[in-house]
Amino acid sequence: MTYLPSIYTFRYHIYTFT
């Protein structure tokens, strides 16, 4: 779990932004 959290956070931000 090194790059997974990053991607998850990115997706999370996108979901909250939209």
C-alpha atoms as a PDB file:
ATOM      1  CA  MET A   1       0.000   0.000   0.000  1.00  0.00           C
ATOM      2  CA  THR A   2       2.161   2.787  -1.295  1.00  0.00           C
ATOM      3  CA  TYR A   3       0.474   4.303  -4.303  1.00  0.00           C
ATOM      4  CA  LEU A   4      -3.007   3.002  -3.512  1.00  0.00           C
ATOM      5  CA  PRO A   5      -3.752   5.618  -0.812  1.00  0.00           C
ATOM      6  CA  SER A   6      -2.686   8.344  -3.231  1.00  0.00           C
ATOM      7  CA  ILE A   7      -5.089   7.193  -5.907  1.00  0.00           C
ATOM      8  CA  TYR A   8      -7.856   6.685  -3.384  1.00  0.00           C
ATOM      9  CA  THR A   9      -7.358  10.189  -2.078  1.00  0.00           C
ATOM     10  CA  PHE A  10      -7.373  11.554  -5.601  1.00  0.00           C
ATOM     11  CA  ARG A  11     -10.632   9.791  -6.411  1.00  0.00           C
ATOM     12  CA  TYR A  12     -12.061  10.909  -3.095  1.00  0.00           C
ATOM     13  CA  HIS A  13     -11.297  14.544  -3.830  1.00  0.00           C
ATOM     14  CA  ILE A  14     -12.858  14.219  -7.254  1.00  0.00           C
ATOM     15  CA  TYR A  15     -16.012  12.711  -5.784  1.00  0.00           C
ATOM     16  CA  THR A  16     -16.303  15.471  -3.237  1.00  0.00           C
ATOM     17  CA  PHE A  17     -15.534  18.146  -5.802  1.00  0.00           C
ATOM     18  CA  THR A  18     -18.197  17.007  -8.227  1.00  0.00           C
END
